[in-house]
């Protein structure tokens, strides 16, 4: 049984990935803040799912919780960090920005470092993070979210460089979705909104191929490319 740990598996992409990996006969550890959902998923697959309540903003306990879960699983081959948050915040209310930074920057970093060190000690492993096309440029209506995803993209590149220099077969994958039909898809004028299950299938395929970077769906790669080359004076007026 392949042993997979998914951080943030109670809804959206994380939950769909968990269900798809269970269908492949993997052992899946799941975390999230909603205990009732975790218990429901565990009850549906008692021999393939183990769970722990874990809040990425819980600085004191998040790693000890993950350690206990991996111990119960008997190891970990694949770590998928799928927990994230963000709000539209054109008024720059810091109370909206702070949870995004706590989760997408501090929580992500702590878990990514923990996972990478675990794989180094084990001698192998695969670390995956779900970032976003939003990390390509800044956003006036969601500044913390886009900035936090840019941080994740660059951090994963740093870990990718570190893995390349390692003597162990450690892989990293940065998944950059566009709009997916989840609660995270906020705002007006959304386009190319992919169904959750379809997005999860594409993500699972990219992970299986050990891709370094994958856009979900592929056409978002071209959108991100266009965003990068738009001159700043024009982009800031958009």
Protein backbone atom coordinates (compact mmCIF):
# COMPACT_ATOMS: atom_id res chain seq x y z
CA UNK A 1 0.00 0.00 0.00
CA UNK A 2 1.31 3.43 -0.93
CA UNK A 3 1.14 5.71 2.10
CA UNK A 4 -0.13 9.20 1.35
CA UNK A 5 -0.69 12.12 3.72
CA UNK A 6 -3.01 14.91 2.57
CA UNK A 7 -3.06 18.16 4.55
CA UNK A 8 -6.46 19.82 4.14
CA UNK A 9 -8.63 16.93 2.99
CA UNK A 10 -12.08 17.83 4.29
CA UNK A 11 -13.26 19.66 1.16
CA UNK A 12 -12.46 20.63 -2.40
CA UNK A 13 -9.34 19.32 -4.09
CA UNK A 14 -7.98 17.65 -0.95
CA UNK A 15 -11.08 15.58 -0.36
CA UNK A 16 -11.36 14.56 -4.01
CA UNK A 17 -7.69 13.52 -4.07
CA UNK A 18 -8.20 11.45 -0.92
CA UNK A 19 -11.17 9.65 -2.45
CA UNK A 20 -9.28 8.98 -5.69
CA UNK A 21 -6.22 7.62 -3.90
CA UNK A 22 -8.44 5.37 -1.80
CA UNK A 23 -9.88 3.97 -5.03
CA UNK A 24 -6.30 3.04 -5.99
CA UNK A 25 -5.99 1.01 -2.78
CA UNK A 26 -3.59 3.45 -1.10
CA UNK A 27 -3.44 4.11 2.64
CA UNK A 28 -4.43 7.75 3.06
CA UNK A 29 -3.86 9.92 6.10
CA UNK A 30 -6.08 12.98 6.13
CA UNK A 31 -6.10 16.16 8.20
CA UNK A 32 -8.38 19.17 8.46
CA UNK A 33 -10.20 21.32 10.96
CA UNK A 34 -13.63 19.70 10.64
CA UNK A 35 -13.63 16.60 12.79
CA UNK A 36 -17.10 15.46 11.70
CA UNK A 37 -16.04 15.34 8.04
CA UNK A 38 -12.83 13.50 8.89
CA UNK A 39 -14.79 10.90 10.87
CA UNK A 40 -17.28 10.52 8.03
CA UNK A 41 -14.51 9.86 5.53
CA UNK A 42 -12.80 7.45 7.90
CA UNK A 43 -16.03 5.53 8.52
CA UNK A 44 -16.56 5.11 4.78
CA UNK A 45 -13.08 3.55 4.36
CA UNK A 46 -11.93 2.32 7.80
CA UNK A 47 -9.12 0.17 6.40
CA UNK A 48 -7.69 2.82 4.09
CA UNK A 49 -8.15 6.15 5.85
CA UNK A 50 -6.71 7.40 9.12
CA UNK A 51 -7.27 10.93 10.33
CA UNK A 52 -6.31 13.66 12.77
CA UNK A 53 -7.80 17.08 13.37
CA UNK A 54 -5.07 19.58 12.51
CA UNK A 55 -5.21 23.35 12.09
CA UNK A 56 -2.21 24.77 10.24
CA UNK A 57 -2.42 27.93 12.35
CA UNK A 58 -1.82 25.86 15.51
CA UNK A 59 1.88 26.59 15.89
CA UNK A 60 2.39 24.48 19.00
CA UNK A 61 0.70 21.25 17.94
CA UNK A 62 0.60 20.91 14.14
CA UNK A 63 3.85 18.95 13.77
CA UNK A 64 3.27 16.67 16.75
CA UNK A 65 -0.15 15.84 15.28
CA UNK A 66 1.40 14.99 11.91
CA UNK A 67 4.10 12.89 13.56
CA UNK A 68 1.44 10.87 15.37
CA UNK A 69 -0.57 10.39 12.18
CA UNK A 70 2.46 9.20 10.16
CA UNK A 71 3.37 6.83 12.97
CA UNK A 72 -0.13 5.36 12.85
CA UNK A 73 0.17 5.01 9.07
CA UNK A 74 3.47 3.21 9.42
CA UNK A 75 5.31 5.70 7.23
CA UNK A 76 4.78 8.21 4.44
CA UNK A 77 5.69 8.06 0.74
CA UNK A 78 3.82 11.11 -0.51
CA UNK A 79 2.92 14.37 1.26
CA UNK A 80 0.36 16.68 -0.37
CA UNK A 81 -0.12 20.12 1.19
CA UNK A 82 -3.57 21.17 0.08
CA UNK A 83 -4.63 23.42 2.96
CA UNK A 84 -4.96 27.07 2.08
CA UNK A 85 -7.13 30.09 2.61
CA UNK A 86 -7.65 33.57 1.21
CA UNK A 87 -10.21 36.34 1.02
CA UNK A 88 -11.06 39.15 -1.35
CA UNK A 89 -9.86 42.17 0.60
CA UNK A 90 -9.90 45.41 -1.42
CA UNK A 91 -10.30 47.38 1.85
CA UNK A 92 -7.04 45.94 3.22
CA UNK A 93 -8.56 44.73 6.47
CA UNK A 94 -5.64 43.07 8.27
CA UNK A 95 -8.01 40.76 10.13
CA UNK A 96 -8.72 39.16 6.75
CA UNK A 97 -5.07 39.09 5.71
CA UNK A 98 -3.62 37.56 8.88
CA UNK A 99 -5.26 34.09 8.61
CA UNK A 100 -4.02 33.87 5.01
CA UNK A 101 -0.46 34.58 6.08
CA UNK A 102 -0.68 32.25 9.09
CA UNK A 103 -1.91 29.37 6.91
CA UNK A 104 -0.38 29.91 3.49
CA UNK A 105 3.02 31.15 4.64
CA UNK A 106 3.87 30.07 8.18
CA UNK A 107 1.81 26.87 8.30
CA UNK A 108 2.86 25.84 4.80
CA UNK A 109 6.55 26.45 5.55
CA UNK A 110 6.49 24.49 8.80
CA UNK A 111 4.81 21.48 7.19
CA UNK A 112 6.92 21.59 4.01
CA UNK A 113 10.13 21.68 6.04
CA UNK A 114 8.91 18.84 8.25
CA UNK A 115 8.00 16.73 5.22
CA UNK A 116 11.27 17.38 3.40
CA UNK A 117 13.33 16.48 6.48
CA UNK A 118 11.27 13.31 6.93
CA UNK A 119 12.01 12.24 3.34
CA UNK A 120 15.71 13.05 3.76
CA UNK A 121 15.88 10.85 6.85
CA UNK A 122 13.87 8.13 5.11
CA UNK A 123 15.98 8.33 1.97
CA UNK A 124 13.09 8.92 -0.44
CA UNK A 125 9.75 10.65 -0.83
CA UNK A 126 7.60 13.05 -2.83
CA UNK A 127 6.47 16.47 -1.58
CA UNK A 128 3.57 18.18 -3.36
CA UNK A 129 2.06 21.61 -2.76
CA UNK A 130 -1.10 23.10 -4.24
CA UNK A 131 -0.20 26.73 -4.97
CA UNK A 132 -2.05 28.81 -7.57
CA UNK A 133 -1.79 30.61 -10.88
CA UNK A 134 -2.60 33.62 -8.68
CA UNK A 135 0.99 33.53 -7.45
CA UNK A 136 2.16 34.78 -10.87
CA UNK A 137 1.36 38.46 -10.17
CA UNK A 138 0.03 40.62 -7.37
CA UNK A 139 -3.65 41.38 -6.86
CA UNK A 140 -5.27 44.59 -5.67
CA UNK A 141 -8.41 42.75 -4.51
CA UNK A 142 -6.65 39.81 -2.83
CA UNK A 143 -3.13 41.03 -2.05
CA UNK A 144 -2.25 38.57 0.73
CA UNK A 145 -3.56 35.54 -1.15
CA UNK A 146 -1.61 36.18 -4.35
CA UNK A 147 1.51 37.15 -2.41
CA UNK A 148 1.30 34.02 -0.26
CA UNK A 149 1.01 31.84 -3.35
CA UNK A 150 4.01 33.57 -4.90
CA UNK A 151 5.87 32.75 -1.70
CA UNK A 152 4.88 29.09 -1.99
CA UNK A 153 5.95 28.93 -5.64
CA UNK A 154 9.39 30.31 -4.79
CA UNK A 155 9.74 28.17 -1.68
CA UNK A 156 8.92 25.02 -3.65
CA UNK A 157 11.54 26.02 -6.22
CA UNK A 158 14.06 26.29 -3.40
CA UNK A 159 13.13 22.81 -2.16
CA UNK A 160 13.33 21.53 -5.75
CA UNK A 161 16.88 22.86 -5.97
CA UNK A 162 17.69 21.29 -2.61
CA UNK A 163 16.24 17.95 -3.75
CA UNK A 164 18.28 18.06 -6.97
CA UNK A 165 21.45 18.30 -4.89
CA UNK A 166 20.41 15.52 -2.54
CA UNK A 167 21.86 12.04 -2.80
CA UNK A 168 18.37 10.65 -2.16
CA UNK A 169 15.48 10.28 -4.66
CA UNK A 170 13.33 13.10 -3.28
CA UNK A 171 10.83 14.70 -5.64
CA UNK A 172 8.83 17.93 -5.42
CA UNK A 173 5.78 19.00 -7.41
CA UNK A 174 4.28 22.48 -7.50
CA UNK A 175 0.64 22.30 -8.64
CA UNK A 176 -0.69 25.65 -9.91
CA UNK A 177 -4.45 25.52 -10.45
CA UNK A 178 -6.52 28.17 -12.16
CA UNK A 179 -10.17 28.47 -11.15
CA UNK A 180 -11.56 25.27 -9.61
CA UNK A 181 -15.20 24.89 -8.56
CA UNK A 182 -14.54 25.12 -4.82
CA UNK A 183 -15.20 27.65 -2.07
CA UNK A 184 -11.82 29.21 -2.86
CA UNK A 185 -13.06 30.42 -6.27
CA UNK A 186 -14.25 33.90 -5.34
CA UNK A 187 -15.14 37.02 -7.25
CA UNK A 188 -16.93 37.87 -10.48
CA UNK A 189 -15.99 37.12 -14.07
CA UNK A 190 -14.48 33.73 -13.38
CA UNK A 191 -13.69 31.68 -16.47
CA UNK A 192 -12.43 28.19 -17.29
CA UNK A 193 -13.76 26.94 -13.95
CA UNK A 194 -12.86 23.24 -13.73
CA UNK A 195 -14.94 20.67 -11.82
CA UNK A 196 -13.20 19.47 -8.65
CA UNK A 197 -13.03 15.80 -9.65
CA UNK A 198 -11.56 16.62 -13.05
CA UNK A 199 -8.94 18.87 -11.48
CA UNK A 200 -8.06 16.19 -8.92
CA UNK A 201 -7.60 13.60 -11.68
CA UNK A 202 -5.22 15.91 -13.52
CA UNK A 203 -3.33 16.64 -10.30
CA UNK A 204 -3.03 12.93 -9.52
CA UNK A 205 -1.66 12.31 -13.02
CA UNK A 206 0.91 15.10 -12.64
CA UNK A 207 2.00 13.67 -9.29
CA UNK A 208 2.32 10.17 -10.74
CA UNK A 209 4.55 11.57 -13.48
CA UNK A 210 6.60 13.42 -10.83
CA UNK A 211 6.25 16.69 -12.74
CA UNK A 212 8.15 19.58 -11.23
CA UNK A 213 5.43 22.12 -12.07
CA UNK A 214 1.93 21.47 -13.36
CA UNK A 215 -0.83 23.89 -14.32
CA UNK A 216 -4.41 22.72 -13.82
CA UNK A 217 -5.72 22.74 -16.43
CA UNK A 218 -2.82 23.00 -18.91
CA UNK A 219 -4.15 26.10 -20.65
CA UNK A 220 -3.52 28.15 -17.48
CA UNK A 221 0.19 27.82 -18.27
CA UNK A 222 -0.36 30.17 -21.20
CA UNK A 223 -2.41 32.60 -19.08
CA UNK A 224 0.39 32.68 -16.51
CA UNK A 225 2.90 33.29 -19.30
CA UNK A 226 0.89 36.23 -20.60
CA UNK A 227 0.55 37.66 -17.08
CA UNK A 228 4.34 37.59 -16.67
CA UNK A 229 5.08 39.61 -19.79
CA UNK A 230 2.43 42.32 -19.32
CA UNK A 231 4.35 45.53 -18.48
CA UNK A 232 3.78 46.69 -14.90
CA UNK A 233 2.18 50.06 -15.83
CA UNK A 234 -0.42 48.23 -17.95
CA UNK A 235 -0.96 45.43 -15.42
CA UNK A 236 -1.55 47.88 -12.58
CA UNK A 237 -4.40 49.54 -14.55
CA UNK A 238 -6.14 46.22 -15.27
